[in-house]
Amino acid sequence: MLAGAALIPGAAILESFSPKALTLQWVLDHFKVTESDLRKIMAIALENGGDYADIFFEHTLDNMLVLRDGKVNSTSSNIDFGVGIRVIKGDQTGYAYTENVTLLDMIKAARTAAKIANGMAGVKASVIKEYTLKKNYYSVISSWEETGVKLKKPFLEKINDRIFSLDKRVSRVIVSQTDTTSYILFFNSDGVMMHDYRPMGTLGATCIMEQNGQIENGRSARSFRMGAEFLTDDLVETISQETVKQTALMFEAIKPKGGEMPVVMGAGGSGILLHEAIGHAFEADFNRKNTSIFSDKLGKKVCDSSISVLDDGTIPFNRGAVNMDDEGVLGQKTYIIKDGILNSYLHDRISAKHYGVAPTGNGRRQSFRFTPIPRMRATYMENGSAHEEDLIASVKNGIYVDNFTNGQVQIGAGDFTFFVKSGRLIENGKLSHPIKDINIIGNGPKALADITMVANNYKMDNGTWTCGKDGQSCPVTCGMPSVLVSKLTVGGD
């Protein structure tokens, strides 16, 4: 199925393209727009007295393959193409988009966005100046546009066959592969003009096993900002082994007794604690509006001095990496917490102006249909000095958790809940029986303050994390070393 092709007047659908050839002029030609057109559209966007305006062009191609019952029997493709125009006046934002990039349609969108302001033209667009990306964090060897189904299909089949070979209890395997390529052109009233080429590849498998009438399932996936070189036999083996191991463990797992207890959160996927329970509360829009519990804590101690937490857009090939954010701000690394002190919020241009600081490169959007807002990228905690064994040995009765499926948080109060797919009991300082299907409940600021030990085994979880906020979804990652939280509420039997 090819969806959305009718929405792309005059735009070429690329069959063979080398990202190395991507230049500003190529991108302008691709979107059928000239610098003169951009100046004209910008002047109209500012004609009612807007303080600032920007124009965001996007062309995204998505592909998906799914294997079920031993065969690749589902494929889909989608093309999204259009431009969004934003005008800011004070604390107010006007936004409009169009799926047609003719000059007439873009002028109409600019006039719609300009209605947020009510006055005479004041700010004029600066002279256009191209800003080149200082570094490409996701250079591509083989573009997805050059990679057809025939090249992708064998990797799904290999995973299917390998999972079945690893355990005779396997009854069904589902494998999926998706890839996305986005072309971005950005221009704002400061004269900044930038462009980006954004790849993404994802491969994942779900395994279903049956034993004596009991059915269990497990999943493993990887996602990186890479081209088709992402697909390798090593990746096939990693995903196959992880999926089978996780599923097999479920037959031994029990649901533990609930209550308040110490929790050791394992390295990697436990980064969901940072993302859900803490990270959202550090996004500057929540603090600017006094919604976040951290609104009055900038520059203050919020946790043990051994803890430093970052949000980073510069990790090569990471799912959350950004060469530039969706407001034309270069990707960068931001210390949210430095040595226990709340060091910075995560800013878009609006909040940065409010606080009188530079944007941190966190202005992100789902697509050209949405206005950018402060969003996380790759959020993680730096290593501590302890060993994971020390954390576990210090707990008489508690749990160790390392695999989560989802979570949610109330930004104002900071209360959170996570669903834990798997972990283990801790009894007398040692890992014991596997556990499954429990909730961890707590309060973000309190949980952060209750982290008493941080291990030296930092790991990034490169799964398929996707963050939802204000009706928008964005790809993110999270990670951390193992930590000991002195007390959390565990929802069990």
Protein backbone atom coordinates (compact mmCIF):
# COMPACT_ATOMS: atom_id res chain seq x y z
CA MET A 1 0.00 0.00 0.00
CA LEU A 2 1.31 3.43 -0.92
CA ALA A 3 -0.46 6.12 1.06
CA GLY A 4 -0.30 9.84 0.58
CA ALA A 5 1.31 10.00 -2.86
CA ALA A 6 -1.43 12.29 -4.14
CA LEU A 7 -0.40 14.89 -1.58
CA ILE A 8 3.00 15.50 -3.18
CA PRO A 9 2.60 17.79 -6.16
CA GLY A 10 5.85 18.04 -8.07
CA ALA A 11 7.96 16.26 -5.43
CA ALA A 12 10.20 13.45 -6.59
CA ILE A 13 9.95 10.11 -4.79
CA LEU A 14 13.57 9.03 -4.56
CA GLU A 15 14.53 5.60 -5.81
CA SER A 16 18.29 6.03 -5.62
CA PHE A 17 19.99 8.81 -3.73
CA SER A 18 23.27 9.30 -1.90
CA PRO A 19 22.92 11.44 1.27
CA LYS A 20 26.49 12.63 0.67
CA ALA A 21 25.15 14.59 -2.30
CA LEU A 22 22.65 16.49 -0.16
CA THR A 23 23.24 20.24 -0.49
CA LEU A 24 21.10 23.24 0.38
CA GLN A 25 20.34 23.84 -3.29
CA TRP A 26 19.34 20.19 -3.73
CA VAL A 27 16.92 20.51 -0.81
CA LEU A 28 15.46 23.78 -2.10
CA ASP A 29 14.92 22.17 -5.50
CA HIS A 30 13.41 19.10 -3.86
CA PHE A 31 10.76 21.21 -2.12
CA LYS A 32 10.29 23.35 -5.26
CA VAL A 33 11.02 26.55 -3.36
CA THR A 34 13.49 29.40 -3.86
CA GLU A 35 15.14 31.78 -1.43
CA SER A 36 13.00 34.54 -2.93
CA ASP A 37 9.87 32.50 -2.13
CA LEU A 38 11.03 32.04 1.46
CA ARG A 39 11.62 35.76 1.95
CA LYS A 40 8.16 36.52 0.56
CA ILE A 41 6.46 33.95 2.82
CA MET A 42 8.39 35.20 5.86
CA ALA A 43 7.38 38.82 5.20
CA ILE A 44 3.71 37.78 5.12
CA ALA A 45 4.09 35.74 8.31
CA LEU A 46 5.37 38.86 10.08
CA GLU A 47 2.99 41.38 8.47
CA ASN A 48 0.78 41.68 11.58
CA GLY A 49 3.65 42.37 13.94
CA GLY A 50 4.90 38.93 14.97
CA ASP A 51 8.08 38.80 17.09
CA TYR A 52 9.45 35.71 15.37
CA ALA A 53 8.49 33.24 12.63
CA ASP A 54 9.82 30.02 11.15
CA ILE A 55 9.09 27.70 8.23
CA PHE A 56 9.54 23.93 8.49
CA PHE A 57 9.52 21.73 5.37
CA GLU A 58 9.38 17.94 5.69
CA HIS A 59 9.35 14.97 3.33
CA THR A 60 9.20 11.64 5.16
CA LEU A 61 9.12 8.13 3.70
CA ASP A 62 8.10 5.20 5.94
CA ASN A 63 8.28 1.49 5.10
CA MET A 64 7.31 -1.59 7.10
CA LEU A 65 7.61 -5.35 6.66
CA VAL A 66 5.97 -7.90 8.99
CA LEU A 67 6.60 -11.64 9.14
CA ARG A 68 3.94 -13.89 10.65
CA ASP A 69 3.57 -17.67 10.48
CA GLY A 70 6.89 -18.01 8.72
CA LYS A 71 6.14 -15.63 5.87
CA VAL A 72 6.56 -11.93 5.17
CA ASN A 73 2.87 -11.34 4.52
CA SER A 74 2.40 -7.65 5.31
CA THR A 75 4.09 -4.61 3.82
CA SER A 76 3.20 -0.95 3.87
CA SER A 77 4.66 2.36 2.78
CA ASN A 78 3.66 5.91 3.54
CA ILE A 79 4.80 9.28 2.25
CA ASP A 80 4.27 12.50 4.18
CA PHE A 81 5.06 15.87 2.62
CA GLY A 82 4.33 19.46 3.59
CA VAL A 83 5.31 22.63 5.37
CA GLY A 84 4.41 24.21 8.71
CA ILE A 85 4.60 27.95 9.41
CA ARG A 86 4.79 29.33 12.94
CA VAL A 87 4.44 32.92 14.17
CA ILE A 88 5.17 33.90 17.77
CA LYS A 89 3.88 37.07 19.41
CA GLY A 90 4.70 37.35 23.10
CA ASP A 91 3.53 34.11 24.74
CA GLN A 92 1.11 33.32 21.89
CA THR A 93 1.77 31.05 18.92
CA GLY A 94 0.00 31.00 15.57
CA TYR A 95 0.50 27.87 13.47
CA ALA A 96 -0.68 26.61 10.12
CA TYR A 97 0.45 23.91 7.71
CA THR A 98 -0.21 22.81 4.18
CA GLU A 99 0.43 19.57 2.32
CA ASN A 100 0.90 21.54 -0.91
CA VAL A 101 4.05 23.60 -1.23
CA THR A 102 2.92 25.89 -4.01
CA LEU A 103 3.70 29.52 -3.29
CA LEU A 104 -0.02 30.37 -3.12
CA ASP A 105 -0.76 27.66 -0.53
CA MET A 106 2.24 28.65 1.59
CA ILE A 107 1.18 32.30 1.52
CA LYS A 108 -2.29 31.28 2.73
CA ALA A 109 -0.74 29.28 5.58
CA ALA A 110 1.53 32.20 6.50
CA ARG A 111 -1.44 34.59 6.66
CA THR A 112 -3.33 32.14 8.88
CA ALA A 113 -0.40 31.82 11.28
CA ALA A 114 0.11 35.62 11.26
CA LYS A 115 -3.37 36.18 12.70
CA ILE A 116 -1.98 35.48 16.18
CA ALA A 117 -0.50 38.99 16.03
CA ASN A 118 -2.61 42.13 15.76
CA GLY A 119 -0.70 45.17 14.63
CA MET A 120 1.63 46.50 12.00
CA ALA A 121 4.64 44.71 10.60
CA GLY A 122 7.58 45.26 12.88
CA VAL A 123 10.29 42.60 12.76
CA LYS A 124 11.76 41.97 9.33
CA ALA A 125 13.45 38.77 8.31
CA SER A 126 17.22 38.95 8.45
CA VAL A 127 19.42 38.28 5.46
CA ILE A 128 19.39 34.56 4.68
CA LYS A 129 22.50 32.80 5.89
CA GLU A 130 23.04 29.07 5.56
CA TYR A 131 24.13 27.37 8.77
CA THR A 132 26.00 24.14 8.14
CA LEU A 133 25.76 21.33 10.64
CA LYS A 134 28.91 21.14 12.75
CA LYS A 135 28.71 17.36 12.87
CA ASN A 136 26.56 14.65 11.34
CA TYR A 137 25.60 12.24 14.12
CA TYR A 138 23.93 9.77 11.75
CA SER A 139 25.84 9.52 8.49
CA VAL A 140 24.49 6.82 6.18
CA ILE A 141 26.36 4.20 4.17
CA SER A 142 23.38 2.61 2.38
CA SER A 143 20.22 4.71 2.16
CA TRP A 144 16.85 3.08 2.76
CA GLU A 145 15.67 4.47 -0.59
CA GLU A 146 18.22 2.18 -2.25
CA THR A 147 17.14 -0.84 -0.21
CA GLY A 148 14.16 -2.81 -1.49
CA VAL A 149 12.07 -5.57 0.04
CA LYS A 150 14.28 -8.27 -1.48
CA LEU A 151 17.24 -7.03 0.57
CA LYS A 152 15.28 -6.67 3.83
CA LYS A 153 13.16 -9.84 3.74
CA PRO A 154 15.98 -12.36 4.45
CA PHE A 155 16.74 -10.73 7.80
CA LEU A 156 13.18 -11.27 9.01
CA GLU A 157 13.30 -14.88 7.85
CA LYS A 158 16.64 -15.45 9.60
CA ILE A 159 15.24 -14.21 12.92
CA ASN A 160 12.16 -16.39 12.54
CA ASP A 161 14.23 -19.51 11.81
CA ARG A 162 16.76 -18.77 14.54
CA ILE A 163 14.14 -18.28 17.26
CA PHE A 164 12.44 -21.55 16.37
CA SER A 165 15.82 -23.31 16.50
CA LEU A 166 16.65 -22.02 19.98
CA ASP A 167 13.72 -23.52 21.93
CA LYS A 168 11.28 -26.28 21.05
CA ARG A 169 8.52 -24.56 23.07
CA VAL A 170 8.28 -21.73 20.51
CA SER A 171 4.85 -21.79 18.88
CA ARG A 172 4.81 -18.52 17.00
CA VAL A 173 7.15 -15.71 15.96
CA ILE A 174 6.33 -12.23 14.72
CA VAL A 175 9.15 -10.14 13.23
CA SER A 176 8.85 -6.55 12.06
CA GLN A 177 11.22 -4.19 10.29
CA THR A 178 10.57 -0.50 9.73
CA ASP A 179 12.62 2.28 8.24
CA THR A 180 12.10 6.00 7.94
CA THR A 181 13.85 8.68 5.94
CA SER A 182 13.12 12.38 6.43
CA TYR A 183 14.30 15.41 4.47
CA ILE A 184 14.07 18.64 6.46
CA LEU A 185 14.43 22.28 5.40
CA PHE A 186 14.21 25.03 8.03
CA PHE A 187 14.17 28.84 7.74
CA ASN A 188 13.41 31.47 10.37
CA SER A 189 13.09 35.23 10.74
CA ASP A 190 16.63 35.42 12.14
CA GLY A 191 17.80 34.42 8.68
CA VAL A 192 18.85 30.92 9.77
CA MET A 193 18.51 28.35 6.99
CA MET A 194 19.39 24.72 7.71
CA HIS A 195 18.64 21.30 6.30
CA ASP A 196 18.91 17.75 7.61
CA TYR A 197 18.65 14.17 6.37
CA ARG A 198 17.26 11.87 9.08
CA PRO A 199 17.35 8.08 8.76
CA MET A 200 15.90 5.53 11.16
CA GLY A 201 15.97 1.73 11.12
CA THR A 202 14.13 -0.62 13.49
CA LEU A 203 14.11 -4.40 13.80
CA GLY A 204 12.19 -6.35 16.42
CA ALA A 205 10.74 -9.76 17.22
CA THR A 206 8.04 -11.17 19.47
CA CYS A 207 8.25 -14.80 20.54
CA ILE A 208 5.30 -16.82 21.84
CA MET A 209 5.97 -20.06 23.74
CA GLU A 210 3.69 -22.72 25.18
CA GLN A 211 4.48 -25.14 28.00
CA ASN A 212 1.90 -27.44 29.62
CA GLY A 213 -0.93 -25.12 28.56
CA GLN A 214 0.81 -22.01 29.83
CA ILE A 215 1.50 -19.35 27.19
CA GLU A 216 4.16 -16.65 27.57
CA ASN A 217 5.65 -14.03 25.29
CA GLY A 218 8.72 -11.87 25.10
CA ARG A 219 10.10 -9.21 22.81
CA SER A 220 13.41 -7.70 21.78
CA ALA A 221 14.09 -4.81 19.39
CA ARG A 222 16.74 -2.35 18.30
CA SER A 223 16.39 1.05 16.69
CA PHE A 224 19.10 3.40 15.42
CA ARG A 225 19.45 6.41 13.17
CA MET A 226 21.21 4.41 10.48
CA GLY A 227 20.74 3.34 6.89
CA ALA A 228 20.40 -0.24 5.66
CA GLU A 229 23.84 -1.08 7.08
CA PHE A 230 21.83 -1.40 10.31
CA LEU A 231 20.71 -4.87 9.17
CA THR A 232 23.40 -7.42 10.07
CA ASP A 233 23.66 -11.08 11.04
CA ASP A 234 24.99 -10.01 14.46
CA LEU A 235 21.79 -8.03 15.03
CA VAL A 236 19.73 -11.06 13.99
CA GLU A 237 21.52 -13.20 16.59
CA THR A 238 21.21 -10.60 19.37
CA ILE A 239 17.48 -10.11 18.90
CA SER A 240 16.82 -13.84 18.55
CA GLN A 241 18.73 -14.74 21.73
CA GLU A 242 17.20 -11.95 23.79
CA THR A 243 13.66 -12.76 22.70
CA VAL A 244 13.93 -16.46 23.54
CA LYS A 245 15.71 -15.87 26.84
CA GLN A 246 13.13 -13.35 28.00
CA THR A 247 10.19 -15.54 27.03
CA ALA A 248 11.62 -18.70 28.59
CA LEU A 249 12.21 -16.90 31.89
CA MET A 250 8.50 -16.10 32.16
CA PHE A 251 7.64 -19.76 32.82
CA GLU A 252 9.64 -19.59 36.04
CA ALA A 253 8.48 -16.14 37.11
CA ILE A 254 6.03 -15.40 39.91
CA LYS A 255 4.10 -12.32 40.92
CA PRO A 256 5.63 -11.21 44.25
CA LYS A 257 3.92 -9.78 47.29
CA GLY A 258 3.40 -6.06 47.10
CA GLY A 259 4.29 -3.28 49.49
CA GLU A 260 6.96 -0.66 50.09
CA MET A 261 10.47 -2.01 49.68
CA PRO A 262 13.95 -1.22 48.32
CA VAL A 263 14.26 -1.59 44.55
CA VAL A 264 17.43 -2.12 42.54
CA MET A 265 16.81 -0.83 39.04
CA GLY A 266 19.02 -2.60 36.53
CA ALA A 267 21.20 -0.85 33.94
CA GLY A 268 19.68 0.18 30.61
CA GLY A 269 15.90 0.00 30.41
CA SER A 270 15.47 1.38 33.92
CA GLY A 271 16.22 4.71 32.29
CA ILE A 272 12.45 4.90 31.97
CA LEU A 273 12.62 6.18 35.57
CA LEU A 274 14.60 9.19 34.34
CA HIS A 275 12.36 9.74 31.35
CA GLU A 276 8.93 9.39 32.89
CA ALA A 277 9.37 10.20 36.56
CA ILE A 278 11.99 12.93 36.23
CA GLY A 279 12.70 13.97 32.63
CA HIS A 280 9.27 15.34 31.75
CA ALA A 281 9.31 17.48 34.87
CA PHE A 282 12.51 19.13 33.59
CA GLU A 283 10.98 20.17 30.25
CA ALA A 284 10.93 23.95 30.36
CA ASP A 285 7.34 24.52 29.24
CA PHE A 286 6.06 22.75 32.37
CA ASN A 287 8.37 24.88 34.51
CA ARG A 288 7.59 28.13 32.69
CA LYS A 289 3.91 27.50 33.44
CA ASN A 290 4.66 26.45 37.06
CA THR A 291 3.19 23.01 36.36
CA SER A 292 6.31 21.04 37.27
CA ILE A 293 7.24 20.26 40.84
CA PHE A 294 10.77 21.44 39.91
CA SER A 295 9.63 24.94 38.86
CA ASP A 296 11.33 26.65 41.82
CA LYS A 297 14.33 24.33 42.16
CA LEU A 298 16.74 25.56 39.45
CA GLY A 299 20.21 25.81 40.95
CA LYS A 300 19.17 23.86 44.04
CA LYS A 301 20.18 20.43 45.30
CA VAL A 302 17.59 17.82 44.29
CA CYS A 303 19.43 14.55 44.92
CA ASP A 304 22.69 13.00 46.11
CA SER A 305 25.84 14.68 44.80
CA SER A 306 26.91 11.42 43.14
CA ILE A 307 24.11 11.81 40.58
CA SER A 308 24.39 13.58 37.23
CA VAL A 309 21.66 13.29 34.59
CA LEU A 310 21.93 14.39 30.97
CA ASP A 311 19.72 14.80 27.96
CA ASP A 312 21.88 14.34 24.89
CA GLY A 313 21.25 14.84 21.18
CA THR A 314 24.83 14.08 20.13
CA ILE A 315 25.20 10.30 20.60
CA PRO A 316 26.17 8.92 17.17
CA PHE A 317 23.41 6.88 15.50
CA ASN A 318 21.23 7.04 18.62
CA ARG A 319 17.45 6.99 18.13
CA GLY A 320 17.23 10.28 20.04
CA ALA A 321 20.10 12.02 18.23
CA VAL A 322 19.48 15.31 16.42
CA ASN A 323 21.90 17.12 14.12
CA MET A 324 19.55 20.03 14.63
CA ASP A 325 16.25 20.18 16.44
CA ASP A 326 13.03 21.23 14.71
CA GLU A 327 13.70 24.90 15.47
CA GLY A 328 17.08 25.03 13.71
CA VAL A 329 19.13 24.72 16.94
CA LEU A 330 22.19 22.49 16.71
CA GLY A 331 22.15 19.18 18.58
CA GLN A 332 23.93 19.38 21.92
CA LYS A 333 24.44 17.75 25.29
CA THR A 334 22.63 19.23 28.30
CA TYR A 335 23.30 18.46 31.96
CA ILE A 336 19.89 18.53 33.64
CA ILE A 337 21.38 17.55 36.99
CA LYS A 338 25.08 18.08 37.70
CA ASP A 339 26.49 16.63 40.93
CA GLY A 340 23.05 16.59 42.52
CA ILE A 341 22.19 20.20 41.54
CA LEU A 342 19.37 21.04 39.10
CA ASN A 343 21.51 22.62 36.40
CA SER A 344 19.18 23.30 33.45
CA TYR A 345 15.72 22.79 32.08
CA LEU A 346 15.19 21.44 28.56
CA HIS A 347 14.42 24.45 26.38
CA ASP A 348 12.82 25.27 23.07
CA ARG A 349 13.10 28.82 21.70
CA ILE A 350 10.01 30.07 23.57
CA SER A 351 11.10 28.92 27.02
CA ALA A 352 14.72 29.96 26.39
CA LYS A 353 13.57 33.51 25.70
CA HIS A 354 11.41 33.45 28.84
CA TYR A 355 14.35 32.38 31.01
CA GLY A 356 16.92 34.52 29.18
CA VAL A 357 19.10 31.55 28.22
CA ALA A 358 20.13 29.84 24.98
CA PRO A 359 17.91 27.06 23.57
CA THR A 360 19.20 23.58 24.40
CA GLY A 361 18.17 21.91 21.13
CA ASN A 362 15.05 20.28 22.61
CA GLY A 363 12.45 21.91 20.33
CA ARG A 364 10.95 18.85 18.64
CA ARG A 365 7.76 17.99 16.77
CA GLN A 366 6.09 14.86 15.43
CA SER A 367 5.83 16.28 11.92
CA PHE A 368 5.23 19.51 9.99
CA ARG A 369 1.61 19.34 11.18
CA PHE A 370 2.66 20.20 14.75
CA THR A 371 4.34 23.11 16.47
CA PRO A 372 7.62 22.27 18.27
CA ILE A 373 7.65 21.90 22.04
CA PRO A 374 10.36 20.95 24.58
CA ARG A 375 11.01 17.22 24.25
CA MET A 376 13.69 14.84 25.50
CA ARG A 377 16.20 13.14 23.19
CA ALA A 378 18.48 10.56 24.88
CA THR A 379 18.12 10.87 28.65
CA TYR A 380 20.57 9.05 30.91
CA MET A 381 22.43 9.04 34.21
CA GLU A 382 26.22 9.00 34.40
CA ASN A 383 28.12 6.21 36.14
CA GLY A 384 28.59 6.10 39.87
CA SER A 385 31.38 4.32 41.75
CA ALA A 386 29.63 1.25 43.19
CA HIS A 387 29.31 -2.21 41.68
CA GLU A 388 25.87 -3.65 40.95
CA GLU A 389 26.69 -6.55 43.28
CA ASP A 390 27.12 -4.05 46.12
CA LEU A 391 23.64 -2.64 45.51
CA ILE A 392 22.06 -6.07 45.57
CA ALA A 393 24.07 -7.21 48.60
CA SER A 394 22.82 -4.23 50.63
CA VAL A 395 19.16 -5.31 50.27
CA LYS A 396 17.73 -7.91 52.64
CA ASN A 397 14.28 -8.12 51.05
CA GLY A 398 13.37 -6.28 47.88
CA ILE A 399 13.26 -6.63 44.13
CA TYR A 400 15.55 -6.18 41.12
CA VAL A 401 13.85 -4.91 37.94
CA ASP A 402 15.30 -4.61 34.46
CA ASN A 403 12.56 -4.87 31.82
CA PHE A 404 9.67 -2.41 31.43
CA THR A 405 6.87 -2.08 28.92
CA ASN A 406 5.48 1.38 29.67
CA GLY A 407 5.05 4.12 32.22
CA GLN A 408 3.20 7.31 32.96
CA VAL A 409 3.58 10.33 35.20
CA GLN A 410 1.55 13.25 36.53
CA ILE A 411 3.80 16.21 35.82
CA GLY A 412 2.44 18.45 38.57
CA ALA A 413 2.62 16.07 41.52
CA GLY A 414 5.41 13.98 40.04
CA ASP A 415 3.59 10.71 40.80
CA PHE A 416 4.45 7.82 38.45
CA THR A 417 3.70 4.21 37.73
CA PHE A 418 5.69 1.73 35.63
CA PHE A 419 4.69 -1.72 34.45
CA VAL A 420 7.54 -4.16 35.03
CA LYS A 421 7.73 -7.05 32.58
CA SER A 422 10.44 -8.96 34.42
CA GLY A 423 12.96 -8.91 37.26
CA ARG A 424 13.97 -10.95 40.29
CA LEU A 425 13.39 -11.08 44.01
CA ILE A 426 16.25 -10.03 46.26
CA GLU A 427 16.49 -12.20 49.37
CA ASN A 428 19.26 -11.75 51.92
CA GLY A 429 21.39 -9.78 49.49
CA LYS A 430 21.13 -12.21 46.59
CA LEU A 431 19.04 -12.46 43.44
CA SER A 432 16.52 -15.29 43.68
CA HIS A 433 13.22 -16.13 41.99
CA PRO A 434 12.24 -14.44 38.69
CA ILE A 435 9.24 -12.09 38.93
CA LYS A 436 6.85 -10.64 36.35
CA ASP A 437 3.81 -8.43 35.77
CA ILE A 438 4.08 -5.94 38.61
CA ASN A 439 3.75 -2.18 38.92
CA ILE A 440 6.21 0.16 40.56
CA ILE A 441 4.57 3.26 42.01
CA GLY A 442 6.26 6.32 43.39
CA ASN A 443 6.93 10.04 43.22
CA GLY A 444 9.62 11.33 40.87
CA PRO A 445 11.37 13.90 43.07
CA LYS A 446 11.17 11.59 46.08
CA ALA A 447 12.49 8.60 44.11
CA LEU A 448 15.34 10.75 42.83
CA ALA A 449 16.14 11.84 46.38
CA ASP A 450 15.90 8.21 47.58
CA ILE A 451 18.60 6.93 45.21
CA THR A 452 21.31 5.93 47.70
CA MET A 453 23.76 4.02 45.48
CA VAL A 454 24.75 4.33 41.81
CA ALA A 455 26.67 1.57 40.04
CA ASN A 456 29.41 1.89 37.41
CA ASN A 457 27.70 -0.20 34.71
CA TYR A 458 25.99 2.48 32.58
CA LYS A 459 24.05 1.11 29.61
CA MET A 460 21.87 2.79 26.98
CA ASP A 461 18.65 0.99 26.07
CA ASN A 462 18.54 1.14 22.26
CA GLY A 463 15.02 -0.22 21.95
CA THR A 464 12.01 1.38 20.31
CA TRP A 465 11.11 3.98 22.94
CA THR A 466 8.61 6.56 21.69
CA CYS A 467 7.54 9.48 23.87
CA GLY A 468 4.04 10.92 23.80
CA LYS A 469 3.29 14.50 24.85
CA ASP A 470 0.47 16.90 23.95
CA GLY A 471 -0.78 14.51 21.27
CA GLN A 472 2.64 14.23 19.60
CA SER A 473 5.04 11.28 19.41
CA CYS A 474 8.83 11.50 19.10
CA PRO A 475 11.57 8.84 19.06
CA VAL A 476 13.71 8.89 22.21
CA THR A 477 16.11 6.70 24.15
CA CYS A 478 16.95 6.31 27.81
CA GLY A 479 19.62 4.64 29.88
CA MET A 480 21.34 4.53 33.24
CA PRO A 481 23.61 2.46 35.45
CA SER A 482 22.02 0.26 38.09
CA VAL A 483 20.74 2.27 41.05
CA LEU A 484 19.35 1.46 44.46
CA VAL A 485 16.14 3.32 45.37
CA SER A 486 15.72 2.90 49.13
CA LYS A 487 11.95 2.58 48.95
CA LEU A 488 9.26 2.35 46.28
CA THR A 489 5.76 0.87 46.31
CA VAL A 490 5.52 -2.44 44.48
CA GLY A 491 2.09 -3.53 43.30
CA GLY A 492 1.98 -7.34 43.46
CA ASP A 493 -0.17 -10.03 45.01
